[in-house]
Amino acid sequence: MLSLRRFQPLVADIAAVTGPPATNLKESTTMTIEFAPTSPLATALDATTGAIEADPRTAAARFRASGSSTGPVTTTIALGRHTIQTDEPAALGGQDDAPNPVELALAALLSCQSVTYRVWAAKLGIEIDDIDISIDGDLDLRGFFGLDDSVRPGFGDIAVTVDVRGPESAERYAELHEVVDAHCPVLDLFANPTPVRSVLRVS
């Protein structure tokens, strides 16, 4: 059983304006998003920001995930109204019927980057025609299998490449890039230490 935090929207259902999630993501994954200068996103952002400014206590968000092992290396995970599956490739005992956990970690970073670009483009009034984002993660399996204690089990390096197209100057997009990397929650999770409390319950 795993437990994370799940956010209950303060004002608007942001999912209604960000579109459906990408599928079939692999360790190097790409998606394209489009920016509508006049969209419900700006209205939702204004309403949510206004609510937080009026009462900073409403900024506290809790996200949650729960899951159960459904096979040797498969897991079914509940995320609010959504259910996702994970699997592993044959080399790790799976059937490759779903993304594996580290691919989902990259997908989380990619999607959080795309959302943060859209949010901050709206906040800064920067027009975007479309964005392509690709992420590559390098992982040494010796850490996972305990073959070398000097090798970390997680990613040793992650490379994020963002291709942006639109009518603004290169300087404006560079400004957006800097702001996005400073405010992207999942990038912050990857780039900075985060306290994790792990509890084992036996029944």
N, C-alpha and C. Protein backbone atom coordinates (compact mmCIF):
# COMPACT_ATOMS: atom_id res chain seq x y z
N MET A 1 0.85 -1.19 0.00
CA MET A 1 0.00 0.00 0.00
C MET A 1 0.89 1.24 0.00
N LEU A 2 0.65 2.15 -0.93
CA LEU A 2 1.42 3.36 -0.93
C LEU A 2 0.48 4.53 -0.72
N SER A 3 0.98 5.59 -0.12
CA SER A 3 0.13 6.73 0.19
C SER A 3 0.85 8.02 -0.13
N LEU A 4 0.25 8.83 -0.99
CA LEU A 4 0.75 10.15 -1.31
C LEU A 4 -0.38 11.14 -1.06
N ARG A 5 -0.20 12.40 -1.42
CA ARG A 5 -1.23 13.39 -1.20
C ARG A 5 -1.99 13.70 -2.46
N ARG A 6 -3.28 13.89 -2.33
CA ARG A 6 -4.12 14.22 -3.49
C ARG A 6 -4.85 15.51 -3.21
N PHE A 7 -4.80 16.42 -4.17
CA PHE A 7 -5.36 17.75 -4.01
C PHE A 7 -6.83 17.78 -4.36
N GLN A 8 -7.62 18.40 -3.53
CA GLN A 8 -9.01 18.68 -3.83
C GLN A 8 -9.09 20.13 -4.29
N PRO A 9 -9.49 20.41 -5.55
CA PRO A 9 -9.44 21.77 -6.09
C PRO A 9 -10.16 22.77 -5.20
N LEU A 10 -9.56 23.96 -5.06
CA LEU A 10 -10.12 25.00 -4.20
C LEU A 10 -11.30 25.70 -4.85
N VAL A 11 -11.17 25.98 -6.15
CA VAL A 11 -12.20 26.77 -6.80
C VAL A 11 -12.72 26.11 -8.05
N ALA A 12 -11.80 25.67 -8.94
CA ALA A 12 -12.23 25.14 -10.24
C ALA A 12 -11.59 23.80 -10.48
N ASP A 13 -12.20 22.98 -11.30
CA ASP A 13 -11.66 21.69 -11.67
C ASP A 13 -10.67 21.90 -12.80
N ILE A 14 -9.39 22.03 -12.45
CA ILE A 14 -8.38 22.34 -13.45
C ILE A 14 -8.31 21.24 -14.51
N ALA A 15 -8.63 20.01 -14.09
CA ALA A 15 -8.57 18.90 -15.05
C ALA A 15 -9.49 19.14 -16.23
N ALA A 16 -10.54 19.90 -16.03
CA ALA A 16 -11.50 20.13 -17.11
C ALA A 16 -10.93 20.97 -18.22
N VAL A 17 -9.85 21.72 -17.94
CA VAL A 17 -9.32 22.62 -18.96
C VAL A 17 -7.93 22.23 -19.43
N THR A 18 -7.35 21.17 -18.88
CA THR A 18 -6.01 20.79 -19.30
C THR A 18 -6.00 19.64 -20.29
N GLY A 19 -7.14 18.98 -20.52
CA GLY A 19 -7.21 17.95 -21.54
C GLY A 19 -6.84 16.59 -21.00
N PRO A 20 -6.98 15.53 -21.82
CA PRO A 20 -6.74 14.15 -21.38
C PRO A 20 -5.26 13.88 -21.22
N PRO A 21 -4.90 12.91 -20.35
CA PRO A 21 -3.50 12.59 -20.12
C PRO A 21 -2.89 11.86 -21.30
N ALA A 22 -1.56 11.96 -21.40
CA ALA A 22 -0.85 11.22 -22.44
C ALA A 22 -0.79 9.75 -22.06
N THR A 23 -0.66 8.86 -23.07
CA THR A 23 -0.58 7.42 -22.80
C THR A 23 0.66 6.86 -23.45
N ASN A 24 0.99 5.61 -23.06
CA ASN A 24 2.11 4.88 -23.62
C ASN A 24 3.42 5.64 -23.48
N LEU A 25 3.66 6.20 -22.29
CA LEU A 25 4.87 6.95 -22.06
C LEU A 25 6.02 5.99 -21.76
N LYS A 26 7.18 6.26 -22.32
CA LYS A 26 8.36 5.47 -22.07
C LYS A 26 9.43 6.38 -21.47
N GLU A 27 10.65 5.82 -21.22
CA GLU A 27 11.67 6.59 -20.52
C GLU A 27 12.08 7.83 -21.30
N SER A 28 11.96 7.82 -22.61
CA SER A 28 12.11 9.03 -23.39
C SER A 28 10.75 9.32 -23.99
N THR A 29 10.11 10.38 -23.51
CA THR A 29 8.71 10.58 -23.86
C THR A 29 8.46 12.01 -24.27
N THR A 30 7.54 12.20 -25.22
CA THR A 30 7.27 13.50 -25.79
C THR A 30 5.78 13.75 -25.85
N MET A 31 5.38 14.98 -25.57
CA MET A 31 3.99 15.35 -25.75
C MET A 31 3.93 16.77 -26.28
N THR A 32 2.83 17.13 -26.91
CA THR A 32 2.62 18.46 -27.45
C THR A 32 1.40 19.07 -26.80
N ILE A 33 1.53 20.34 -26.40
CA ILE A 33 0.39 21.06 -25.85
C ILE A 33 0.19 22.34 -26.64
N GLU A 34 -1.00 22.85 -26.64
CA GLU A 34 -1.31 24.09 -27.31
C GLU A 34 -1.85 25.08 -26.30
N PHE A 35 -1.54 26.36 -26.49
CA PHE A 35 -1.96 27.40 -25.57
C PHE A 35 -3.03 28.26 -26.23
N ALA A 36 -4.16 28.39 -25.58
CA ALA A 36 -5.23 29.25 -26.07
C ALA A 36 -5.16 30.56 -25.30
N PRO A 37 -4.91 31.70 -25.97
CA PRO A 37 -4.77 32.98 -25.27
C PRO A 37 -5.98 33.30 -24.41
N THR A 38 -7.17 32.95 -24.87
CA THR A 38 -8.38 33.19 -24.10
C THR A 38 -8.99 31.84 -23.77
N SER A 39 -8.85 31.41 -22.51
CA SER A 39 -9.30 30.09 -22.14
C SER A 39 -9.79 30.12 -20.71
N PRO A 40 -10.53 29.08 -20.30
CA PRO A 40 -10.98 28.99 -18.91
C PRO A 40 -9.82 28.91 -17.92
N LEU A 41 -8.61 28.58 -18.40
CA LEU A 41 -7.48 28.45 -17.50
C LEU A 41 -7.20 29.75 -16.75
N ALA A 42 -7.16 30.87 -17.48
CA ALA A 42 -6.88 32.14 -16.83
C ALA A 42 -7.93 32.48 -15.78
N THR A 43 -9.19 32.19 -16.09
CA THR A 43 -10.27 32.45 -15.13
C THR A 43 -10.10 31.59 -13.88
N ALA A 44 -9.77 30.31 -14.08
CA ALA A 44 -9.58 29.42 -12.94
C ALA A 44 -8.39 29.86 -12.10
N LEU A 45 -7.30 30.26 -12.75
CA LEU A 45 -6.12 30.70 -12.01
C LEU A 45 -6.41 31.95 -11.19
N ASP A 46 -7.13 32.90 -11.79
CA ASP A 46 -7.48 34.12 -11.06
C ASP A 46 -8.33 33.81 -9.84
N ALA A 47 -9.30 32.92 -10.01
CA ALA A 47 -10.19 32.58 -8.91
C ALA A 47 -9.44 31.88 -7.78
N THR A 48 -8.57 30.91 -8.15
CA THR A 48 -7.82 30.17 -7.14
C THR A 48 -6.82 31.07 -6.43
N THR A 49 -6.10 31.89 -7.20
CA THR A 49 -5.14 32.82 -6.59
C THR A 49 -5.84 33.79 -5.65
N GLY A 50 -7.00 34.29 -6.08
CA GLY A 50 -7.76 35.21 -5.24
C GLY A 50 -8.19 34.56 -3.94
N ALA A 51 -8.63 33.30 -4.01
CA ALA A 51 -9.05 32.59 -2.80
C ALA A 51 -7.88 32.40 -1.84
N ILE A 52 -6.70 32.09 -2.38
CA ILE A 52 -5.53 31.88 -1.53
C ILE A 52 -5.08 33.19 -0.90
N GLU A 53 -5.10 34.27 -1.68
CA GLU A 53 -4.72 35.57 -1.14
C GLU A 53 -5.67 36.02 -0.03
N ALA A 54 -6.94 35.69 -0.19
CA ALA A 54 -7.93 36.06 0.82
C ALA A 54 -7.76 35.24 2.10
N ASP A 55 -7.36 33.98 1.96
CA ASP A 55 -7.17 33.10 3.12
C ASP A 55 -6.03 32.15 2.80
N PRO A 56 -4.78 32.47 3.20
CA PRO A 56 -3.63 31.64 2.87
C PRO A 56 -3.76 30.20 3.35
N ARG A 57 -4.63 29.93 4.33
CA ARG A 57 -4.81 28.55 4.79
C ARG A 57 -5.36 27.65 3.70
N THR A 58 -6.05 28.21 2.72
CA THR A 58 -6.62 27.39 1.65
C THR A 58 -5.56 26.92 0.66
N ALA A 59 -4.32 27.39 0.81
CA ALA A 59 -3.24 26.96 -0.10
C ALA A 59 -2.76 25.55 0.23
N ALA A 60 -3.06 25.06 1.42
CA ALA A 60 -2.60 23.72 1.80
C ALA A 60 -3.33 22.67 0.98
N ALA A 61 -2.56 21.82 0.29
CA ALA A 61 -3.14 20.81 -0.59
C ALA A 61 -2.67 19.43 -0.17
N ARG A 62 -3.54 18.46 -0.26
CA ARG A 62 -3.16 17.08 0.05
C ARG A 62 -3.48 16.18 -1.15
N PHE A 63 -2.48 15.46 -1.59
CA PHE A 63 -2.63 14.51 -2.68
C PHE A 63 -2.51 13.10 -2.10
N ARG A 64 -3.18 12.14 -2.73
CA ARG A 64 -3.14 10.78 -2.20
C ARG A 64 -3.21 9.76 -3.34
N ALA A 65 -2.45 8.70 -3.14
CA ALA A 65 -2.53 7.54 -4.04
C ALA A 65 -2.58 6.30 -3.16
N SER A 66 -3.31 5.29 -3.60
CA SER A 66 -3.32 4.00 -2.89
C SER A 66 -3.26 2.90 -3.94
N GLY A 67 -2.57 1.83 -3.61
CA GLY A 67 -2.40 0.78 -4.61
C GLY A 67 -2.22 -0.58 -4.00
N SER A 68 -2.42 -1.61 -4.82
CA SER A 68 -2.26 -2.99 -4.40
C SER A 68 -1.49 -3.75 -5.46
N SER A 69 -0.62 -4.64 -4.99
CA SER A 69 0.10 -5.51 -5.91
C SER A 69 -0.89 -6.51 -6.49
N THR A 70 -0.92 -6.62 -7.83
CA THR A 70 -1.88 -7.51 -8.49
C THR A 70 -1.21 -8.64 -9.24
N GLY A 71 0.09 -8.75 -9.11
CA GLY A 71 0.85 -9.81 -9.77
C GLY A 71 2.29 -9.71 -9.35
N PRO A 72 3.16 -10.52 -9.94
CA PRO A 72 4.57 -10.50 -9.54
C PRO A 72 5.19 -9.10 -9.61
N VAL A 73 4.91 -8.35 -10.69
CA VAL A 73 5.48 -6.99 -10.80
C VAL A 73 4.44 -5.99 -11.31
N THR A 74 3.16 -6.30 -11.14
CA THR A 74 2.11 -5.38 -11.57
C THR A 74 1.44 -4.77 -10.35
N THR A 75 0.97 -3.54 -10.51
CA THR A 75 0.31 -2.82 -9.43
C THR A 75 -0.87 -2.05 -10.00
N THR A 76 -1.98 -2.04 -9.28
CA THR A 76 -3.13 -1.22 -9.61
C THR A 76 -3.19 -0.08 -8.61
N ILE A 77 -3.27 1.14 -9.11
CA ILE A 77 -3.18 2.33 -8.28
C ILE A 77 -4.42 3.19 -8.46
N ALA A 78 -5.00 3.61 -7.36
CA ALA A 78 -6.15 4.52 -7.38
C ALA A 78 -5.67 5.94 -7.08
N LEU A 79 -6.05 6.87 -7.96
CA LEU A 79 -5.73 8.28 -7.80
C LEU A 79 -7.03 9.07 -7.89
N GLY A 80 -7.70 9.23 -6.76
CA GLY A 80 -8.99 9.90 -6.79
C GLY A 80 -9.97 9.13 -7.63
N ARG A 81 -10.49 9.75 -8.69
CA ARG A 81 -11.45 9.10 -9.58
C ARG A 81 -10.77 8.21 -10.62
N HIS A 82 -9.46 8.20 -10.63
CA HIS A 82 -8.72 7.54 -11.70
C HIS A 82 -8.02 6.29 -11.20
N THR A 83 -7.85 5.32 -12.10
CA THR A 83 -7.12 4.10 -11.80
C THR A 83 -6.08 3.88 -12.89
N ILE A 84 -4.85 3.60 -12.49
CA ILE A 84 -3.79 3.32 -13.45
C ILE A 84 -3.12 2.01 -13.09
N GLN A 85 -2.41 1.45 -14.06
CA GLN A 85 -1.69 0.19 -13.87
C GLN A 85 -0.21 0.43 -14.11
N THR A 86 0.62 -0.35 -13.44
CA THR A 86 2.04 -0.39 -13.76
C THR A 86 2.46 -1.83 -14.00
N ASP A 87 3.47 -1.99 -14.81
CA ASP A 87 4.03 -3.31 -15.12
C ASP A 87 5.52 -3.11 -15.35
N GLU A 88 6.21 -4.16 -15.66
CA GLU A 88 7.63 -4.11 -15.97
C GLU A 88 7.89 -4.85 -17.28
N PRO A 89 8.99 -4.54 -17.95
CA PRO A 89 9.34 -5.30 -19.16
C PRO A 89 9.73 -6.73 -18.80
N ALA A 90 9.87 -7.56 -19.83
CA ALA A 90 10.16 -8.98 -19.61
C ALA A 90 11.46 -9.19 -18.82
N ALA A 91 12.45 -8.33 -19.03
CA ALA A 91 13.73 -8.48 -18.34
C ALA A 91 13.59 -8.35 -16.83
N LEU A 92 12.50 -7.70 -16.39
CA LEU A 92 12.25 -7.55 -14.96
C LEU A 92 11.04 -8.37 -14.51
N GLY A 93 10.67 -9.37 -15.31
CA GLY A 93 9.62 -10.31 -14.92
C GLY A 93 8.21 -9.91 -15.28
N GLY A 94 8.04 -8.88 -16.09
CA GLY A 94 6.70 -8.42 -16.45
C GLY A 94 6.32 -8.75 -17.87
N GLN A 95 5.16 -8.23 -18.27
CA GLN A 95 4.64 -8.42 -19.62
C GLN A 95 4.70 -7.13 -20.44
N ASP A 96 5.15 -6.04 -19.85
CA ASP A 96 5.22 -4.73 -20.50
C ASP A 96 3.84 -4.27 -20.98
N ASP A 97 2.80 -4.58 -20.18
CA ASP A 97 1.44 -4.18 -20.53
C ASP A 97 1.09 -2.77 -20.06
N ALA A 98 1.97 -2.15 -19.29
CA ALA A 98 1.73 -0.80 -18.78
C ALA A 98 3.08 -0.17 -18.48
N PRO A 99 3.12 1.15 -18.31
CA PRO A 99 4.40 1.79 -17.95
C PRO A 99 4.93 1.25 -16.63
N ASN A 100 6.24 1.29 -16.47
CA ASN A 100 6.79 0.89 -15.18
C ASN A 100 6.91 2.12 -14.28
N PRO A 101 7.19 1.92 -12.99
CA PRO A 101 7.17 3.05 -12.06
C PRO A 101 8.12 4.19 -12.42
N VAL A 102 9.33 3.88 -12.90
CA VAL A 102 10.23 4.97 -13.21
C VAL A 102 9.79 5.73 -14.46
N GLU A 103 9.11 5.06 -15.38
CA GLU A 103 8.53 5.76 -16.53
C GLU A 103 7.42 6.70 -16.07
N LEU A 104 6.63 6.25 -15.10
CA LEU A 104 5.59 7.13 -14.57
C LEU A 104 6.19 8.32 -13.84
N ALA A 105 7.35 8.12 -13.21
CA ALA A 105 8.02 9.25 -12.57
C ALA A 105 8.41 10.30 -13.61
N LEU A 106 8.94 9.84 -14.75
CA LEU A 106 9.28 10.77 -15.83
C LEU A 106 8.02 11.42 -16.40
N ALA A 107 6.95 10.63 -16.51
CA ALA A 107 5.69 11.17 -17.02
C ALA A 107 5.15 12.24 -16.09
N ALA A 108 5.28 12.03 -14.77
CA ALA A 108 4.83 13.02 -13.81
C ALA A 108 5.61 14.32 -13.98
N LEU A 109 6.92 14.22 -14.17
CA LEU A 109 7.73 15.42 -14.38
C LEU A 109 7.35 16.11 -15.67
N LEU A 110 7.18 15.33 -16.74
CA LEU A 110 6.82 15.91 -18.03
C LEU A 110 5.48 16.64 -17.96
N SER A 111 4.47 15.98 -17.39
CA SER A 111 3.14 16.60 -17.35
C SER A 111 3.13 17.81 -16.43
N CYS A 112 3.90 17.75 -15.34
CA CYS A 112 3.95 18.91 -14.44
C CYS A 112 4.64 20.09 -15.13
N GLN A 113 5.67 19.80 -15.91
CA GLN A 113 6.30 20.87 -16.69
C GLN A 113 5.31 21.50 -17.67
N SER A 114 4.54 20.67 -18.37
CA SER A 114 3.60 21.20 -19.36
C SER A 114 2.54 22.07 -18.68
N VAL A 115 2.04 21.62 -17.53
CA VAL A 115 1.04 22.40 -16.81
C VAL A 115 1.65 23.72 -16.32
N THR A 116 2.86 23.64 -15.79
CA THR A 116 3.50 24.85 -15.26
C THR A 116 3.80 25.85 -16.38
N TYR A 117 4.18 25.36 -17.55
CA TYR A 117 4.35 26.26 -18.69
C TYR A 117 3.04 26.95 -19.04
N ARG A 118 1.94 26.21 -19.06
CA ARG A 118 0.67 26.80 -19.42
C ARG A 118 0.22 27.83 -18.38
N VAL A 119 0.39 27.47 -17.12
CA VAL A 119 -0.03 28.37 -16.04
C VAL A 119 0.77 29.67 -16.07
N TRP A 120 2.08 29.55 -16.15
CA TRP A 120 2.89 30.75 -16.09
C TRP A 120 2.87 31.55 -17.40
N ALA A 121 2.63 30.90 -18.52
CA ALA A 121 2.43 31.66 -19.75
C ALA A 121 1.19 32.53 -19.62
N ALA A 122 0.12 31.97 -19.02
CA ALA A 122 -1.10 32.75 -18.80
C ALA A 122 -0.85 33.88 -17.82
N LYS A 123 -0.11 33.61 -16.74
CA LYS A 123 0.15 34.63 -15.73
C LYS A 123 1.00 35.77 -16.28
N LEU A 124 1.97 35.43 -17.15
CA LEU A 124 2.88 36.44 -17.67
C LEU A 124 2.42 37.05 -18.99
N GLY A 125 1.31 36.54 -19.53
CA GLY A 125 0.82 37.05 -20.80
C GLY A 125 1.71 36.69 -21.97
N ILE A 126 2.34 35.52 -21.92
CA ILE A 126 3.23 35.06 -22.98
C ILE A 126 2.46 34.08 -23.87
N GLU A 127 2.43 34.36 -25.15
CA GLU A 127 1.68 33.51 -26.09
C GLU A 127 2.53 32.35 -26.56
N ILE A 128 1.94 31.17 -26.56
CA ILE A 128 2.62 29.95 -27.00
C ILE A 128 1.76 29.27 -28.05
N ASP A 129 2.37 28.91 -29.19
CA ASP A 129 1.64 28.13 -30.18
C ASP A 129 1.62 26.66 -29.77
N ASP A 130 2.77 26.10 -29.47
CA ASP A 130 2.82 24.73 -28.96
C ASP A 130 4.17 24.46 -28.32
N ILE A 131 4.21 23.41 -27.53
CA ILE A 131 5.43 23.01 -26.83
C ILE A 131 5.62 21.51 -27.00
N ASP A 132 6.84 21.10 -27.29
CA ASP A 132 7.22 19.69 -27.23
C ASP A 132 8.18 19.51 -26.05
N ILE A 133 7.91 18.52 -25.23
CA ILE A 133 8.75 18.24 -24.07
C ILE A 133 9.22 16.80 -24.15
N SER A 134 10.51 16.58 -23.99
CA SER A 134 11.04 15.22 -23.92
C SER A 134 11.93 15.11 -22.69
N ILE A 135 11.86 13.94 -22.06
CA ILE A 135 12.64 13.70 -20.85
C ILE A 135 13.31 12.34 -20.95
N ASP A 136 14.60 12.31 -20.65
CA ASP A 136 15.36 11.06 -20.61
C ASP A 136 15.92 10.87 -19.21
N GLY A 137 15.78 9.66 -18.69
CA GLY A 137 16.33 9.35 -17.38
C GLY A 137 17.30 8.18 -17.47
N ASP A 138 18.50 8.36 -16.90
CA ASP A 138 19.51 7.30 -16.90
C ASP A 138 19.51 6.61 -15.54
N LEU A 139 19.36 5.29 -15.57
CA LEU A 139 19.25 4.51 -14.34
C LEU A 139 20.16 3.29 -14.43
N ASP A 140 20.94 3.05 -13.39
CA ASP A 140 21.85 1.90 -13.32
C ASP A 140 21.19 0.83 -12.46
N LEU A 141 20.82 -0.30 -13.08
CA LEU A 141 20.09 -1.36 -12.38
C LEU A 141 20.91 -2.07 -11.30
N ARG A 142 22.20 -1.82 -11.24
CA ARG A 142 22.99 -2.44 -10.17
C ARG A 142 22.52 -1.97 -8.81
N GLY A 143 22.04 -0.73 -8.73
CA GLY A 143 21.53 -0.22 -7.46
C GLY A 143 20.25 -0.93 -7.05
N PHE A 144 19.35 -1.17 -7.98
CA PHE A 144 18.09 -1.84 -7.70
C PHE A 144 18.32 -3.28 -7.24
N PHE A 145 19.23 -3.98 -7.91
CA PHE A 145 19.49 -5.38 -7.60
C PHE A 145 20.50 -5.58 -6.46
N GLY A 146 21.00 -4.48 -5.89
CA GLY A 146 21.94 -4.59 -4.79
C GLY A 146 23.29 -5.16 -5.18
N LEU A 147 23.69 -4.96 -6.42
CA LEU A 147 24.96 -5.51 -6.91
C LEU A 147 26.14 -4.60 -6.60
N ASP A 148 25.84 -3.31 -6.33
CA ASP A 148 26.91 -2.36 -6.01
C ASP A 148 26.30 -1.29 -5.10
N ASP A 149 26.71 -1.29 -3.84
CA ASP A 149 26.14 -0.36 -2.87
C ASP A 149 26.52 1.09 -3.14
N SER A 150 27.51 1.31 -4.00
CA SER A 150 27.89 2.69 -4.32
C SER A 150 26.99 3.29 -5.40
N VAL A 151 26.13 2.47 -6.01
CA VAL A 151 25.23 2.94 -7.08
C VAL A 151 23.85 3.19 -6.49
N ARG A 152 23.32 4.37 -6.69
CA ARG A 152 21.98 4.68 -6.18
C ARG A 152 20.93 3.92 -6.99
N PRO A 153 19.83 3.50 -6.37
CA PRO A 153 18.80 2.76 -7.10
C PRO A 153 17.96 3.64 -8.02
N GLY A 154 17.95 4.93 -7.76
CA GLY A 154 17.14 5.82 -8.58
C GLY A 154 17.91 6.38 -9.76
N PHE A 155 17.27 7.33 -10.46
CA PHE A 155 17.92 7.96 -11.61
C PHE A 155 19.21 8.65 -11.19
N GLY A 156 20.25 8.44 -11.98
CA GLY A 156 21.50 9.15 -11.75
C GLY A 156 21.54 10.47 -12.48
N ASP A 157 20.73 10.58 -13.54
CA ASP A 157 20.71 11.82 -14.32
C ASP A 157 19.39 11.90 -15.07
N ILE A 158 18.84 13.10 -15.13
CA ILE A 158 17.60 13.34 -15.88
C ILE A 158 17.81 14.57 -16.76
N ALA A 159 17.45 14.45 -18.03
CA ALA A 159 17.58 15.55 -18.98
C ALA A 159 16.21 15.94 -19.50
N VAL A 160 15.85 17.19 -19.33
CA VAL A 160 14.57 17.73 -19.79
C VAL A 160 14.84 18.67 -20.95
N THR A 161 14.20 18.42 -22.08
CA THR A 161 14.34 19.29 -23.25
C THR A 161 12.97 19.85 -23.61
N VAL A 162 12.89 21.17 -23.70
CA VAL A 162 11.64 21.85 -24.02
C VAL A 162 11.81 22.62 -25.32
N ASP A 163 10.99 22.30 -26.31
CA ASP A 163 10.96 23.03 -27.58
C ASP A 163 9.68 23.84 -27.62
N VAL A 164 9.82 25.16 -27.70
CA VAL A 164 8.66 26.04 -27.69
C VAL A 164 8.59 26.81 -29.00
N ARG A 165 7.38 26.98 -29.50
CA ARG A 165 7.16 27.75 -30.72
C ARG A 165 6.05 28.75 -30.46
N GLY A 166 6.24 29.94 -31.00
CA GLY A 166 5.25 30.98 -30.83
C GLY A 166 5.78 32.32 -31.31
N PRO A 167 4.97 33.39 -31.18
CA PRO A 167 5.31 34.69 -31.73
C PRO A 167 6.19 35.56 -30.84
N GLU A 168 6.48 35.10 -29.63
CA GLU A 168 7.24 35.94 -28.70
C GLU A 168 8.74 35.88 -29.02
N SER A 169 9.50 36.78 -28.40
CA SER A 169 10.95 36.79 -28.59
C SER A 169 11.59 35.65 -27.82
N ALA A 170 12.82 35.30 -28.20
CA ALA A 170 13.56 34.27 -27.49
C ALA A 170 13.76 34.66 -26.04
N GLU A 171 13.93 35.95 -25.79
CA GLU A 171 14.13 36.43 -24.42
C GLU A 171 12.90 36.19 -23.56
N ARG A 172 11.72 36.38 -24.12
CA ARG A 172 10.49 36.15 -23.36
C ARG A 172 10.32 34.68 -23.01
N TYR A 173 10.65 33.80 -23.96
CA TYR A 173 10.55 32.38 -23.68
C TYR A 173 11.62 31.93 -22.69
N ALA A 174 12.79 32.56 -22.73
CA ALA A 174 13.82 32.26 -21.74
C ALA A 174 13.34 32.68 -20.35
N GLU A 175 12.65 33.81 -20.26
CA GLU A 175 12.08 34.25 -19.00
C GLU A 175 11.06 33.23 -18.49
N LEU A 176 10.21 32.75 -19.40
CA LEU A 176 9.21 31.75 -19.03
C LEU A 176 9.87 30.47 -18.55
N HIS A 177 10.90 30.04 -19.26
CA HIS A 177 11.62 28.82 -18.89
C HIS A 177 12.18 28.92 -17.47
N GLU A 178 12.76 30.03 -17.15
CA GLU A 178 13.34 30.22 -15.81
C GLU A 178 12.27 30.19 -14.73
N VAL A 179 11.15 30.85 -15.00
CA VAL A 179 10.07 30.89 -14.02
C VAL A 179 9.45 29.50 -13.84
N VAL A 180 9.29 28.78 -14.93
CA VAL A 180 8.71 27.43 -14.85
C VAL A 180 9.59 26.52 -14.00
N ASP A 181 10.90 26.53 -14.24
CA ASP A 181 11.78 25.66 -13.47
C ASP A 181 11.84 26.05 -12.00
N ALA A 182 11.54 27.30 -11.71
CA ALA A 182 11.53 27.75 -10.32
C ALA A 182 10.24 27.38 -9.59
N HIS A 183 9.17 27.05 -10.33
CA HIS A 183 7.86 26.84 -9.72
C HIS A 183 7.23 25.48 -10.03
N CYS A 184 7.91 24.62 -10.77
CA CYS A 184 7.35 23.31 -11.13
C CYS A 184 7.42 22.37 -9.93
N PRO A 185 6.28 21.94 -9.38
CA PRO A 185 6.31 21.11 -8.17
C PRO A 185 7.06 19.79 -8.32
N VAL A 186 6.88 19.08 -9.43
CA VAL A 186 7.54 17.78 -9.57
C VAL A 186 9.03 17.97 -9.84
N LEU A 187 9.41 19.02 -10.55
CA LEU A 187 10.84 19.30 -10.71
C LEU A 187 11.47 19.58 -9.35
N ASP A 188 10.75 20.31 -8.51
CA ASP A 188 11.24 20.57 -7.16
C ASP A 188 11.40 19.25 -6.39
N LEU A 189 10.46 18.34 -6.58
CA LEU A 189 10.52 17.04 -5.91
C LEU A 189 11.75 16.26 -6.35
N PHE A 190 12.08 16.31 -7.63
CA PHE A 190 13.26 15.62 -8.14
C PHE A 190 14.56 16.30 -7.72
N ALA A 191 14.55 17.63 -7.71
CA ALA A 191 15.80 18.38 -7.56
C ALA A 191 16.19 18.62 -6.10
N ASN A 192 15.25 18.49 -5.17
CA ASN A 192 15.53 18.81 -3.78
C ASN A 192 15.13 17.67 -2.86
N PRO A 193 15.84 17.52 -1.74
CA PRO A 193 15.47 16.46 -0.78
C PRO A 193 14.06 16.69 -0.24
N THR A 194 13.30 15.60 -0.14
CA THR A 194 11.94 15.66 0.39
C THR A 194 11.80 14.62 1.50
N PRO A 195 11.35 15.03 2.68
CA PRO A 195 11.18 14.04 3.76
C PRO A 195 10.15 12.99 3.36
N VAL A 196 10.48 11.72 3.59
CA VAL A 196 9.57 10.61 3.31
C VAL A 196 9.47 9.76 4.57
N ARG A 197 8.27 9.52 5.02
CA ARG A 197 8.03 8.66 6.18
C ARG A 197 7.45 7.34 5.70
N SER A 198 8.11 6.25 5.99
CA SER A 198 7.68 4.92 5.55
C SER A 198 7.29 4.09 6.78
N VAL A 199 6.06 3.56 6.77
CA VAL A 199 5.53 2.79 7.89
C VAL A 199 5.11 1.41 7.39
N LEU A 200 5.55 0.36 8.06
CA LEU A 200 5.17 -1.00 7.72
C LEU A 200 4.09 -1.47 8.68
N ARG A 201 2.98 -1.97 8.13
CA ARG A 201 1.90 -2.55 8.95
C ARG A 201 1.75 -4.03 8.59
N VAL A 202 1.82 -4.89 9.56
CA VAL A 202 1.73 -6.33 9.33
C VAL A 202 0.43 -6.85 9.93
N SER A 203 -0.30 -7.62 9.14
CA SER A 203 -1.58 -8.17 9.65
C SER A 203 -1.71 -9.64 9.23
